Amino acid sequence: MCVFVFLNESAVFLLSHHANTPYLHPPPRPPPTTQGALTIAIRYSAQRQQFGPPDAPEVAVLDYTSQQHKLMPLLAGCYALHFGKVYLVDRYAEMKRTKDEKLVADVHSLSAGVFVSECV
């Protein structure tokens, strides 16, 4: 059983067991600046070299574990959001085409999850 939570005009939380909420729409596209900034950071870290063992070539910044611990979780999050968005858009298109009530509930819960992940 799905429960939908939304705010009314008086900013009071309401619970509903129906998907007939007035705000079913696909979520907005995430700004490309996050992905672009991460791409720049990873490419720069892969090319930039500094320090290294004596009498040896310098080491790429991306080879440092601390740099990997900063960038790789962000990269994983970008991939997860990308594939989640693709799945959500496919489900939304199918919902619009078939008008299936179960798909409406699924799309609503998926879009709410994407919205929460974007806001946190």
PDB file of N, CA and C in Angstrom:
ATOM      1  N   MET A   1       0.836  -1.170   0.000  1.00  0.00           N
ATOM      2  CA  MET A   1       0.000   0.000   0.000  1.00  0.00           C
ATOM      3  C   MET A   1       0.883   1.236   0.000  1.00  0.00           C
ATOM      4  N   CYS A   2       0.661   2.160  -0.908  1.00  0.00           N
ATOM      5  CA  CYS A   2       1.402   3.405  -0.986  1.00  0.00           C
ATOM      6  C   CYS A   2       0.651   4.494  -0.235  1.00  0.00           C
ATOM      7  N   VAL A   3       1.403   5.308   0.452  1.00  0.00           N
ATOM      8  CA  VAL A   3       0.831   6.472   1.120  1.00  0.00           C
ATOM      9  C   VAL A   3       1.523   7.692   0.552  1.00  0.00           C
ATOM     10  N   PHE A   4       0.746   8.668   0.105  1.00  0.00           N
ATOM     11  CA  PHE A   4       1.288   9.890  -0.468  1.00  0.00           C
ATOM     12  C   PHE A   4       1.184  11.004   0.559  1.00  0.00           C
ATOM     13  N   VAL A   5       2.257  11.730   0.737  1.00  0.00           N
ATOM     14  CA  VAL A   5       2.289  12.833   1.688  1.00  0.00           C
ATOM     15  C   VAL A   5       2.473  14.119   0.898  1.00  0.00           C
ATOM     16  N   PHE A   6       1.657  15.119   1.186  1.00  0.00           N
ATOM     17  CA  PHE A   6       1.809  16.405   0.509  1.00  0.00           C
ATOM     18  C   PHE A   6       1.320  17.512   1.427  1.00  0.00           C
ATOM     19  N   LEU A   7       1.613  18.739   1.061  1.00  0.00           N
ATOM     20  CA  LEU A   7       1.188  19.912   1.820  1.00  0.00           C
ATOM     21  C   LEU A   7      -0.027  20.526   1.156  1.00  0.00           C
ATOM     22  N   ASN A   8      -0.985  20.974   1.971  1.00  0.00           N
ATOM     23  CA  ASN A   8      -2.115  21.708   1.400  1.00  0.00           C
ATOM     24  C   ASN A   8      -1.791  23.199   1.391  1.00  0.00           C
ATOM     25  N   GLU A   9      -2.768  24.035   1.043  1.00  0.00           N
ATOM     26  CA  GLU A   9      -2.540  25.473   0.931  1.00  0.00           C
ATOM     27  C   GLU A   9      -2.164  26.112   2.260  1.00  0.00           C
ATOM     28  N   SER A  10      -2.587  25.499   3.373  1.00  0.00           N
ATOM     29  CA  SER A  10      -2.287  26.035   4.708  1.00  0.00           C
ATOM     30  C   SER A  10      -0.982  25.495   5.270  1.00  0.00           C
ATOM     31  N   ALA A  11      -0.184  24.837   4.451  1.00  0.00           N
ATOM     32  CA  ALA A  11       1.093  24.245   4.855  1.00  0.00           C
ATOM     33  C   ALA A  11       0.905  23.175   5.926  1.00  0.00           C
ATOM     34  N   VAL A  12      -0.151  22.379   5.788  1.00  0.00           N
ATOM     35  CA  VAL A  12      -0.413  21.268   6.696  1.00  0.00           C
ATOM     36  C   VAL A  12      -0.162  19.980   5.928  1.00  0.00           C
ATOM     37  N   PHE A  13       0.583  19.047   6.544  1.00  0.00           N
ATOM     38  CA  PHE A  13       0.842  17.774   5.893  1.00  0.00           C
ATOM     39  C   PHE A  13      -0.437  16.953   5.824  1.00  0.00           C
ATOM     40  N   LEU A  14      -0.696  16.389   4.666  1.00  0.00           N
ATOM     41  CA  LEU A  14      -1.848  15.522   4.470  1.00  0.00           C
ATOM     42  C   LEU A  14      -1.375  14.174   3.969  1.00  0.00           C
ATOM     43  N   LEU A  15      -2.068  13.127   4.379  1.00  0.00           N
ATOM     44  CA  LEU A  15      -1.790  11.782   3.904  1.00  0.00           C
ATOM     45  C   LEU A  15      -2.904  11.363   2.966  1.00  0.00           C
ATOM     46  N   SER A  16      -2.545  10.658   1.923  1.00  0.00           N
ATOM     47  CA  SER A  16      -3.532  10.182   0.972  1.00  0.00           C
ATOM     48  C   SER A  16      -3.124   8.794   0.502  1.00  0.00           C
ATOM     49  N   HIS A  17      -4.116   7.944   0.291  1.00  0.00           N
ATOM     50  CA  HIS A  17      -3.841   6.617  -0.251  1.00  0.00           C
ATOM     51  C   HIS A  17      -4.129   6.565  -1.743  1.00  0.00           C
ATOM     52  N   HIS A  18      -4.386   7.732  -2.336  1.00  0.00           N
ATOM     53  CA  HIS A  18      -4.673   7.826  -3.759  1.00  0.00           C
ATOM     54  C   HIS A  18      -3.575   8.620  -4.440  1.00  0.00           C
ATOM     55  N   ALA A  19      -3.358   8.319  -5.667  1.00  0.00           N
ATOM     56  CA  ALA A  19      -2.323   9.016  -6.427  1.00  0.00           C
ATOM     57  C   ALA A  19      -2.887  10.226  -7.153  1.00  0.00           C
ATOM     58  N   ASN A  20      -4.073  10.688  -6.790  1.00  0.00           N
ATOM     59  CA  ASN A  20      -4.711  11.807  -7.487  1.00  0.00           C
ATOM     60  C   ASN A  20      -4.235  13.148  -6.938  1.00  0.00           C
ATOM     61  N   THR A  21      -2.972  13.275  -6.697  1.00  0.00           N
ATOM     62  CA  THR A  21      -2.447  14.534  -6.208  1.00  0.00           C
ATOM     63  C   THR A  21      -2.232  15.464  -7.382  1.00  0.00           C
ATOM     64  N   PRO A  22      -2.347  16.766  -7.179  1.00  0.00           N
ATOM     65  CA  PRO A  22      -2.324  17.703  -8.307  1.00  0.00           C
ATOM     66  C   PRO A  22      -0.933  17.987  -8.861  1.00  0.00           C
ATOM     67  N   TYR A  23       0.108  17.416  -8.308  1.00  0.00           N
ATOM     68  CA  TYR A  23       1.447  17.814  -8.718  1.00  0.00           C
ATOM     69  C   TYR A  23       2.250  16.678  -9.323  1.00  0.00           C
ATOM     70  N   LEU A  24       1.605  15.781 -10.022  1.00  0.00           N
ATOM     71  CA  LEU A  24       2.347  14.711 -10.697  1.00  0.00           C
ATOM     72  C   LEU A  24       2.972  15.255 -11.975  1.00  0.00           C
ATOM     73  N   HIS A  25       4.249  15.336 -12.009  1.00  0.00           N
ATOM     74  CA  HIS A  25       4.975  15.808 -13.184  1.00  0.00           C
ATOM     75  C   HIS A  25       6.393  15.268 -13.095  1.00  0.00           C
ATOM     76  N   PRO A  26       7.102  15.185 -14.194  1.00  0.00           N
ATOM     77  CA  PRO A  26       8.474  14.689 -14.115  1.00  0.00           C
ATOM     78  C   PRO A  26       9.337  15.689 -13.351  1.00  0.00           C
ATOM     79  N   PRO A  27      10.335  15.212 -12.634  1.00  0.00           N
ATOM     80  CA  PRO A  27      11.176  16.139 -11.883  1.00  0.00           C
ATOM     81  C   PRO A  27      12.000  17.006 -12.821  1.00  0.00           C
ATOM     82  N   PRO A  28      12.411  18.180 -12.371  1.00  0.00           N
ATOM     83  CA  PRO A  28      13.242  19.026 -13.225  1.00  0.00           C
ATOM     84  C   PRO A  28      14.593  18.380 -13.473  1.00  0.00           C
ATOM     85  N   ARG A  29      15.162  18.670 -14.598  1.00  0.00           N
ATOM     86  CA  ARG A  29      16.474  18.110 -14.944  1.00  0.00           C
ATOM     87  C   ARG A  29      17.540  18.716 -14.037  1.00  0.00           C
ATOM     88  N   PRO A  30      18.407  17.875 -13.451  1.00  0.00           N
ATOM     89  CA  PRO A  30      19.446  18.438 -12.596  1.00  0.00           C
ATOM     90  C   PRO A  30      20.395  19.321 -13.404  1.00  0.00           C
ATOM     91  N   PRO A  31      20.913  20.356 -12.785  1.00  0.00           N
ATOM     92  CA  PRO A  31      21.786  21.258 -13.537  1.00  0.00           C
ATOM     93  C   PRO A  31      23.048  20.546 -14.005  1.00  0.00           C
ATOM     94  N   PRO A  32      23.451  20.793 -15.249  1.00  0.00           N
ATOM     95  CA  PRO A  32      24.637  20.116 -15.773  1.00  0.00           C
ATOM     96  C   PRO A  32      25.929  20.629 -15.151  1.00  0.00           C
ATOM     97  N   THR A  33      25.855  21.700 -14.362  1.00  0.00           N
ATOM     98  CA  THR A  33      27.084  22.250 -13.788  1.00  0.00           C
ATOM     99  C   THR A  33      27.750  21.287 -12.825  1.00  0.00           C
ATOM    100  N   THR A  34      26.967  20.506 -12.096  1.00  0.00           N
ATOM    101  CA  THR A  34      27.551  19.544 -11.158  1.00  0.00           C
ATOM    102  C   THR A  34      28.355  18.496 -11.909  1.00  0.00           C
ATOM    103  N   GLN A  35      27.774  17.944 -12.951  1.00  0.00           N
ATOM    104  CA  GLN A  35      28.481  16.933 -13.732  1.00  0.00           C
ATOM    105  C   GLN A  35      29.684  17.552 -14.430  1.00  0.00           C
ATOM    106  N   GLY A  36      29.528  18.754 -14.940  1.00  0.00           N
ATOM    107  CA  GLY A  36      30.643  19.424 -15.619  1.00  0.00           C
ATOM    108  C   GLY A  36      31.783  19.729 -14.667  1.00  0.00           C
ATOM    109  N   ALA A  37      31.455  20.211 -13.478  1.00  0.00           N
ATOM    110  CA  ALA A  37      32.490  20.518 -12.496  1.00  0.00           C
ATOM    111  C   ALA A  37      33.219  19.252 -12.059  1.00  0.00           C
ATOM    112  N   LEU A  38      32.488  18.179 -11.884  1.00  0.00           N
ATOM    113  CA  LEU A  38      33.114  16.915 -11.493  1.00  0.00           C
ATOM    114  C   LEU A  38      33.999  16.379 -12.610  1.00  0.00           C
ATOM    115  N   THR A  39      33.567  16.511 -13.847  1.00  0.00           N
ATOM    116  CA  THR A  39      34.387  16.083 -14.984  1.00  0.00           C
ATOM    117  C   THR A  39      35.700  16.857 -15.016  1.00  0.00           C
ATOM    118  N   ILE A  40      35.614  18.160 -14.818  1.00  0.00           N
ATOM    119  CA  ILE A  40      36.831  18.982 -14.806  1.00  0.00           C
ATOM    120  C   ILE A  40      37.751  18.563 -13.668  1.00  0.00           C
ATOM    121  N   ALA A  41      37.190  18.345 -12.480  1.00  0.00           N
ATOM    122  CA  ALA A  41      38.003  17.979 -11.321  1.00  0.00           C
ATOM    123  C   ALA A  41      38.707  16.641 -11.529  1.00  0.00           C
ATOM    124  N   ILE A  42      38.009  15.666 -12.078  1.00  0.00           N
ATOM    125  CA  ILE A  42      38.620  14.343 -12.282  1.00  0.00           C
ATOM    126  C   ILE A  42      39.676  14.404 -13.381  1.00  0.00           C
ATOM    127  N   ARG A  43      39.387  15.084 -14.487  1.00  0.00           N
ATOM    128  CA  ARG A  43      40.387  15.194 -15.565  1.00  0.00           C
ATOM    129  C   ARG A  43      41.631  15.940 -15.101  1.00  0.00           C
ATOM    130  N   TYR A  44      41.419  17.021 -14.362  1.00  0.00           N
ATOM    131  CA  TYR A  44      42.559  17.789 -13.863  1.00  0.00           C
ATOM    132  C   TYR A  44      43.384  16.948 -12.891  1.00  0.00           C
ATOM    133  N   SER A  45      42.706  16.200 -12.019  1.00  0.00           N
ATOM    134  CA  SER A  45      43.414  15.354 -11.060  1.00  0.00           C
ATOM    135  C   SER A  45      44.184  14.237 -11.753  1.00  0.00           C
ATOM    136  N   ALA A  46      43.666  13.771 -12.873  1.00  0.00           N
ATOM    137  CA  ALA A  46      44.361  12.709 -13.605  1.00  0.00           C
ATOM    138  C   ALA A  46      45.591  13.249 -14.325  1.00  0.00           C
ATOM    139  N   GLN A  47      45.537  14.507 -14.780  1.00  0.00           N
ATOM    140  CA  GLN A  47      46.666  15.072 -15.533  1.00  0.00           C
ATOM    141  C   GLN A  47      47.701  15.744 -14.645  1.00  0.00           C
ATOM    142  N   ARG A  48      47.241  16.373 -13.566  1.00  0.00           N
ATOM    143  CA  ARG A  48      48.139  17.127 -12.694  1.00  0.00           C
ATOM    144  C   ARG A  48      49.031  16.174 -11.922  1.00  0.00           C
ATOM    145  N   GLN A  49      50.321  16.432 -11.943  1.00  0.00           N
ATOM    146  CA  GLN A  49      51.280  15.591 -11.226  1.00  0.00           C
ATOM    147  C   GLN A  49      52.035  16.447 -10.221  1.00  0.00           C
ATOM    148  N   GLN A  50      52.294  15.836  -9.072  1.00  0.00           N
ATOM    149  CA  GLN A  50      53.101  16.532  -8.076  1.00  0.00           C
ATOM    150  C   GLN A  50      53.712  15.517  -7.126  1.00  0.00           C
ATOM    151  N   PHE A  51      54.831  15.901  -6.583  1.00  0.00           N
ATOM    152  CA  PHE A  51      55.593  15.103  -5.619  1.00  0.00           C
ATOM    153  C   PHE A  51      55.916  13.723  -6.170  1.00  0.00           C
ATOM    154  N   GLY A  52      56.094  12.784  -5.331  1.00  0.00           N
ATOM    155  CA  GLY A  52      56.463  11.441  -5.721  1.00  0.00           C
ATOM    156  C   GLY A  52      57.719  11.002  -5.008  1.00  0.00           C
ATOM    157  N   PRO A  53      58.063   9.744  -5.154  1.00  0.00           N
ATOM    158  CA  PRO A  53      59.262   9.242  -4.484  1.00  0.00           C
ATOM    159  C   PRO A  53      60.521   9.885  -5.074  1.00  0.00           C
ATOM    160  N   PRO A  54      61.590   9.967  -4.266  1.00  0.00           N
ATOM    161  CA  PRO A  54      62.841  10.528  -4.796  1.00  0.00           C
ATOM    162  C   PRO A  54      63.357   9.694  -5.975  1.00  0.00           C
ATOM    163  N   ASP A  55      63.947  10.362  -6.930  1.00  0.00           N
ATOM    164  CA  ASP A  55      64.504   9.718  -8.124  1.00  0.00           C
ATOM    165  C   ASP A  55      63.457   8.935  -8.910  1.00  0.00           C
ATOM    166  N   ALA A  56      62.219   9.426  -8.913  1.00  0.00           N
ATOM    167  CA  ALA A  56      61.134   8.784  -9.665  1.00  0.00           C
ATOM    168  C   ALA A  56      60.242   9.895 -10.227  1.00  0.00           C
ATOM    169  N   PRO A  57      59.482   9.571 -11.254  1.00  0.00           N
ATOM    170  CA  PRO A  57      58.590  10.604 -11.811  1.00  0.00           C
ATOM    171  C   PRO A  57      57.510  10.994 -10.799  1.00  0.00           C
ATOM    172  N   GLU A  58      56.981  12.190 -11.009  1.00  0.00           N
ATOM    173  CA  GLU A  58      55.928  12.654 -10.121  1.00  0.00           C
ATOM    174  C   GLU A  58      54.666  11.803 -10.274  1.00  0.00           C
ATOM    175  N   VAL A  59      53.823  11.830  -9.262  1.00  0.00           N
ATOM    176  CA  VAL A  59      52.613  11.007  -9.218  1.00  0.00           C
ATOM    177  C   VAL A  59      51.405  11.874  -9.565  1.00  0.00           C
ATOM    178  N   ALA A  60      50.489  11.315 -10.333  1.00  0.00           N
ATOM    179  CA  ALA A  60      49.248  12.033 -10.657  1.00  0.00           C
ATOM    180  C   ALA A  60      48.441  12.236  -9.377  1.00  0.00           C
ATOM    181  N   VAL A  61      47.807  13.380  -9.259  1.00  0.00           N
ATOM    182  CA  VAL A  61      47.038  13.703  -8.057  1.00  0.00           C
ATOM    183  C   VAL A  61      45.911  12.693  -7.844  1.00  0.00           C
ATOM    184  N   LEU A  62      45.330  12.191  -8.906  1.00  0.00           N
ATOM    185  CA  LEU A  62      44.238  11.227  -8.784  1.00  0.00           C
ATOM    186  C   LEU A  62      44.710   9.907  -8.175  1.00  0.00           C
ATOM    187  N   ASP A  63      45.992   9.630  -8.212  1.00  0.00           N
ATOM    188  CA  ASP A  63      46.511   8.399  -7.607  1.00  0.00           C
ATOM    189  C   ASP A  63      46.543   8.468  -6.088  1.00  0.00           C
ATOM    190  N   TYR A  64      46.404   9.644  -5.512  1.00  0.00           N
ATOM    191  CA  TYR A  64      46.366   9.766  -4.057  1.00  0.00           C
ATOM    192  C   TYR A  64      45.012   9.293  -3.545  1.00  0.00           C
ATOM    193  N   THR A  65      45.041   8.469  -2.519  1.00  0.00           N
ATOM    194  CA  THR A  65      43.818   7.901  -1.960  1.00  0.00           C
ATOM    195  C   THR A  65      42.875   8.982  -1.449  1.00  0.00           C
ATOM    196  N   SER A  66      43.427  10.021  -0.841  1.00  0.00           N
ATOM    197  CA  SER A  66      42.565  11.079  -0.312  1.00  0.00           C
ATOM    198  C   SER A  66      41.785  11.772  -1.434  1.00  0.00           C
ATOM    199  N   GLN A  67      42.411  11.949  -2.580  1.00  0.00           N
ATOM    200  CA  GLN A  67      41.718  12.566  -3.720  1.00  0.00           C
ATOM    201  C   GLN A  67      40.633  11.627  -4.249  1.00  0.00           C
ATOM    202  N   GLN A  68      40.917  10.347  -4.289  1.00  0.00           N
ATOM    203  CA  GLN A  68      39.924   9.369  -4.728  1.00  0.00           C
ATOM    204  C   GLN A  68      38.737   9.329  -3.768  1.00  0.00           C
ATOM    205  N   HIS A  69      39.016   9.445  -2.470  1.00  0.00           N
ATOM    206  CA  HIS A  69      37.930   9.422  -1.479  1.00  0.00           C
ATOM    207  C   HIS A  69      37.036  10.645  -1.596  1.00  0.00           C
ATOM    208  N   LYS A  70      37.552  11.738  -2.118  1.00  0.00           N
ATOM    209  CA  LYS A  70      36.741  12.938  -2.320  1.00  0.00           C
ATOM    210  C   LYS A  70      35.925  12.866  -3.609  1.00  0.00           C
ATOM    211  N   LEU A  71      36.524  12.375  -4.688  1.00  0.00           N
ATOM    212  CA  LEU A  71      35.882  12.457  -6.004  1.00  0.00           C
ATOM    213  C   LEU A  71      35.026  11.250  -6.372  1.00  0.00           C
ATOM    214  N   MET A  72      35.434  10.049  -5.999  1.00  0.00           N
ATOM    215  CA  MET A  72      34.718   8.859  -6.469  1.00  0.00           C
ATOM    216  C   MET A  72      33.297   8.735  -5.917  1.00  0.00           C
ATOM    217  N   PRO A  73      33.019   9.088  -4.648  1.00  0.00           N
ATOM    218  CA  PRO A  73      31.612   9.048  -4.221  1.00  0.00           C
ATOM    219  C   PRO A  73      30.738  10.042  -4.993  1.00  0.00           C
ATOM    220  N   LEU A  74      31.293  11.186  -5.332  1.00  0.00           N
ATOM    221  CA  LEU A  74      30.532  12.148  -6.131  1.00  0.00           C
ATOM    222  C   LEU A  74      30.265  11.604  -7.531  1.00  0.00           C
ATOM    223  N   LEU A  75      31.254  10.936  -8.102  1.00  0.00           N
ATOM    224  CA  LEU A  75      31.074  10.331  -9.424  1.00  0.00           C
ATOM    225  C   LEU A  75      30.006   9.241  -9.374  1.00  0.00           C
ATOM    226  N   ALA A  76      30.049   8.417  -8.341  1.00  0.00           N
ATOM    227  CA  ALA A  76      29.038   7.358  -8.193  1.00  0.00           C
ATOM    228  C   ALA A  76      27.644   7.966  -8.050  1.00  0.00           C
ATOM    229  N   GLY A  77      27.535   9.065  -7.305  1.00  0.00           N
ATOM    230  CA  GLY A  77      26.242   9.732  -7.158  1.00  0.00           C
ATOM    231  C   GLY A  77      25.724  10.286  -8.470  1.00  0.00           C
ATOM    232  N   CYS A  78      26.624  10.837  -9.289  1.00  0.00           N
ATOM    233  CA  CYS A  78      26.206  11.351 -10.604  1.00  0.00           C
ATOM    234  C   CYS A  78      25.693  10.223 -11.491  1.00  0.00           C
ATOM    235  N   TYR A  79      26.381   9.082 -11.471  1.00  0.00           N
ATOM    236  CA  TYR A  79      25.912   7.940 -12.261  1.00  0.00           C
ATOM    237  C   TYR A  79      24.556   7.454 -11.755  1.00  0.00           C
ATOM    238  N   ALA A  80      24.411   7.360 -10.442  1.00  0.00           N
ATOM    239  CA  ALA A  80      23.140   6.889  -9.879  1.00  0.00           C
ATOM    240  C   ALA A  80      21.996   7.826 -10.251  1.00  0.00           C
ATOM    241  N   LEU A  81      22.219   9.134 -10.133  1.00  0.00           N
ATOM    242  CA  LEU A  81      21.165  10.088 -10.498  1.00  0.00           C
ATOM    243  C   LEU A  81      20.852  10.049 -11.989  1.00  0.00           C
ATOM    244  N   HIS A  82      21.882   9.860 -12.810  1.00  0.00           N
ATOM    245  CA  HIS A  82      21.659   9.807 -14.257  1.00  0.00           C
ATOM    246  C   HIS A  82      20.781   8.609 -14.627  1.00  0.00           C
ATOM    247  N   PHE A  83      21.172   7.416 -14.157  1.00  0.00           N
ATOM    248  CA  PHE A  83      20.405   6.228 -14.520  1.00  0.00           C
ATOM    249  C   PHE A  83      19.042   6.215 -13.842  1.00  0.00           C
ATOM    250  N   GLY A  84      18.947   6.780 -12.640  1.00  0.00           N
ATOM    251  CA  GLY A  84      17.649   6.911 -11.998  1.00  0.00           C
ATOM    252  C   GLY A  84      16.731   7.830 -12.778  1.00  0.00           C
ATOM    253  N   LYS A  85      17.290   8.922 -13.303  1.00  0.00           N
ATOM    254  CA  LYS A  85      16.497   9.864 -14.100  1.00  0.00           C
ATOM    255  C   LYS A  85      16.017   9.205 -15.387  1.00  0.00           C
ATOM    256  N   VAL A  86      16.886   8.444 -16.035  1.00  0.00           N
ATOM    257  CA  VAL A  86      16.499   7.754 -17.268  1.00  0.00           C
ATOM    258  C   VAL A  86      15.356   6.778 -16.992  1.00  0.00           C
ATOM    259  N   TYR A  87      15.464   6.035 -15.887  1.00  0.00           N
ATOM    260  CA  TYR A  87      14.412   5.085 -15.518  1.00  0.00           C
ATOM    261  C   TYR A  87      13.109   5.821 -15.215  1.00  0.00           C
ATOM    262  N   LEU A  88      13.198   6.923 -14.478  1.00  0.00           N
ATOM    263  CA  LEU A  88      12.005   7.679 -14.119  1.00  0.00           C
ATOM    264  C   LEU A  88      11.325   8.265 -15.357  1.00  0.00           C
ATOM    265  N   VAL A  89      12.091   8.782 -16.284  1.00  0.00           N
ATOM    266  CA  VAL A  89      11.503   9.347 -17.508  1.00  0.00           C
ATOM    267  C   VAL A  89      10.827   8.256 -18.325  1.00  0.00           C
ATOM    268  N   ASP A  90      11.429   7.074 -18.378  1.00  0.00           N
ATOM    269  CA  ASP A  90      10.802   5.960 -19.100  1.00  0.00           C
ATOM    270  C   ASP A  90       9.480   5.566 -18.450  1.00  0.00           C
ATOM    271  N   ARG A  91       9.470   5.474 -17.115  1.00  0.00           N
ATOM    272  CA  ARG A  91       8.239   5.126 -16.406  1.00  0.00           C
ATOM    273  C   ARG A  91       7.174   6.212 -16.596  1.00  0.00           C
ATOM    274  N   TYR A  92       7.606   7.474 -16.597  1.00  0.00           N
ATOM    275  CA  TYR A  92       6.674   8.582 -16.788  1.00  0.00           C
ATOM    276  C   TYR A  92       6.037   8.516 -18.176  1.00  0.00           C
ATOM    277  N   ALA A  93       6.850   8.252 -19.189  1.00  0.00           N
ATOM    278  CA  ALA A  93       6.321   8.150 -20.554  1.00  0.00           C
ATOM    279  C   ALA A  93       5.339   6.983 -20.661  1.00  0.00           C
ATOM    280  N   GLU A  94       5.681   5.864 -20.017  1.00  0.00           N
ATOM    281  CA  GLU A  94       4.779   4.716 -20.034  1.00  0.00           C
ATOM    282  C   GLU A  94       3.471   5.041 -19.297  1.00  0.00           C
ATOM    283  N   MET A  95       3.581   5.771 -18.179  1.00  0.00           N
ATOM    284  CA  MET A  95       2.397   6.162 -17.423  1.00  0.00           C
ATOM    285  C   MET A  95       1.475   7.042 -18.267  1.00  0.00           C
ATOM    286  N   LYS A  96       2.057   8.021 -18.971  1.00  0.00           N
ATOM    287  CA  LYS A  96       1.253   8.910 -19.812  1.00  0.00           C
ATOM    288  C   LYS A  96       0.591   8.143 -20.953  1.00  0.00           C
ATOM    289  N   ARG A  97       1.298   7.138 -21.464  1.00  0.00           N
ATOM    290  CA  ARG A  97       0.774   6.375 -22.595  1.00  0.00           C
ATOM    291  C   ARG A  97      -0.354   5.437 -22.155  1.00  0.00           C
ATOM    292  N   THR A  98      -0.164   4.733 -21.016  1.00  0.00           N
ATOM    293  CA  THR A  98      -1.126   3.707 -20.605  1.00  0.00           C
ATOM    294  C   THR A  98      -2.157   4.198 -19.596  1.00  0.00           C
ATOM    295  N   LYS A  99      -1.851   5.266 -18.882  1.00  0.00           N
ATOM    296  CA  LYS A  99      -2.725   5.807 -17.834  1.00  0.00           C
ATOM    297  C   LYS A  99      -3.038   4.761 -16.758  1.00  0.00           C
ATOM    298  N   ASP A 100      -2.074   3.901 -16.484  1.00  0.00           N
ATOM    299  CA  ASP A 100      -2.220   2.862 -15.464  1.00  0.00           C
ATOM    300  C   ASP A 100      -2.087   3.491 -14.073  1.00  0.00           C
ATOM    301  N   GLU A 101      -3.031   3.193 -13.188  1.00  0.00           N
ATOM    302  CA  GLU A 101      -3.058   3.794 -11.845  1.00  0.00           C
ATOM    303  C   GLU A 101      -1.848   3.364 -11.009  1.00  0.00           C
ATOM    304  N   LYS A 102      -1.394   2.132 -11.173  1.00  0.00           N
ATOM    305  CA  LYS A 102      -0.223   1.668 -10.424  1.00  0.00           C
ATOM    306  C   LYS A 102       1.032   2.410 -10.874  1.00  0.00           C
ATOM    307  N   LEU A 103       1.143   2.672 -12.160  1.00  0.00           N
ATOM    308  CA  LEU A 103       2.294   3.429 -12.655  1.00  0.00           C
ATOM    309  C   LEU A 103       2.287   4.866 -12.143  1.00  0.00           C
ATOM    310  N   VAL A 104       1.100   5.438 -11.987  1.00  0.00           N
ATOM    311  CA  VAL A 104       1.008   6.795 -11.439  1.00  0.00           C
ATOM    312  C   VAL A 104       1.598   6.819 -10.037  1.00  0.00           C
ATOM    313  N   ALA A 105       1.243   5.825  -9.232  1.00  0.00           N
ATOM    314  CA  ALA A 105       1.774   5.743  -7.866  1.00  0.00           C
ATOM    315  C   ALA A 105       3.283   5.523  -7.880  1.00  0.00           C
ATOM    316  N   ASP A 106       3.758   4.670  -8.765  1.00  0.00           N
ATOM    317  CA  ASP A 106       5.203   4.413  -8.845  1.00  0.00           C
ATOM    318  C   ASP A 106       5.966   5.667  -9.264  1.00  0.00           C
ATOM    319  N   VAL A 107       5.471   6.352 -10.283  1.00  0.00           N
ATOM    320  CA  VAL A 107       6.147   7.561 -10.761  1.00  0.00           C
ATOM    321  C   VAL A 107       6.151   8.627  -9.674  1.00  0.00           C
ATOM    322  N   HIS A 108       5.054   8.736  -8.965  1.00  0.00           N
ATOM    323  CA  HIS A 108       4.991   9.730  -7.893  1.00  0.00           C
ATOM    324  C   HIS A 108       6.021   9.433  -6.809  1.00  0.00           C
ATOM    325  N   SER A 109       6.113   8.187  -6.379  1.00  0.00           N
ATOM    326  CA  SER A 109       7.075   7.852  -5.321  1.00  0.00           C
ATOM    327  C   SER A 109       8.514   7.980  -5.823  1.00  0.00           C
ATOM    328  N   LEU A 110       8.781   7.607  -7.073  1.00  0.00           N
ATOM    329  CA  LEU A 110      10.124   7.754  -7.614  1.00  0.00           C
ATOM    330  C   LEU A 110      10.525   9.228  -7.742  1.00  0.00           C
ATOM    331  N   SER A 111       9.606  10.066  -8.220  1.00  0.00           N
ATOM    332  CA  SER A 111       9.923  11.476  -8.369  1.00  0.00           C
ATOM    333  C   SER A 111      10.116  12.135  -7.011  1.00  0.00           C
ATOM    334  N   ALA A 112       9.370  11.711  -6.008  1.00  0.00           N
ATOM    335  CA  ALA A 112       9.557  12.247  -4.656  1.00  0.00           C
ATOM    336  C   ALA A 112      10.934  11.854  -4.125  1.00  0.00           C
ATOM    337  N   GLY A 113      11.369  10.629  -4.404  1.00  0.00           N
ATOM    338  CA  GLY A 113      12.699  10.202  -3.979  1.00  0.00           C
ATOM    339  C   GLY A 113      13.803  10.987  -4.659  1.00  0.00           C
ATOM    340  N   VAL A 114      13.638  11.262  -5.944  1.00  0.00           N
ATOM    341  CA  VAL A 114      14.635  12.069  -6.663  1.00  0.00           C
ATOM    342  C   VAL A 114      14.652  13.473  -6.096  1.00  0.00           C
ATOM    343  N   PHE A 115      13.482  14.022  -5.808  1.00  0.00           N
ATOM    344  CA  PHE A 115      13.395  15.373  -5.248  1.00  0.00           C
ATOM    345  C   PHE A 115      14.112  15.441  -3.905  1.00  0.00           C
ATOM    346  N   VAL A 116      13.897  14.449  -3.051  1.00  0.00           N
ATOM    347  CA  VAL A 116      14.541  14.436  -1.734  1.00  0.00           C
ATOM    348  C   VAL A 116      16.050  14.300  -1.882  1.00  0.00           C
ATOM    349  N   SER A 117      16.506  13.458  -2.803  1.00  0.00           N
ATOM    350  CA  SER A 117      17.949  13.294  -2.982  1.00  0.00           C
ATOM    351  C   SER A 117      18.602  14.567  -3.513  1.00  0.00           C
ATOM    352  N   GLU A 118      17.858  15.357  -4.292  1.00  0.00           N
ATOM    353  CA  GLU A 118      18.387  16.616  -4.807  1.00  0.00           C
ATOM    354  C   GLU A 118      18.450  17.687  -3.716  1.00  0.00           C
ATOM    355  N   CYS A 119      17.535  17.597  -2.744  1.00  0.00           N
ATOM    356  CA  CYS A 119      17.438  18.642  -1.715  1.00  0.00           C
ATOM    357  C   CYS A 119      18.381  18.405  -0.544  1.00  0.00           C
ATOM    358  N   VAL A 120      18.806  17.184  -0.353  1.00  0.00           N
ATOM    359  CA  VAL A 120      19.642  16.871   0.827  1.00  0.00           C
ATOM    360  C   VAL A 120      21.087  17.184   0.557  1.00  0.00           C
TER     361      VAL A 120
END
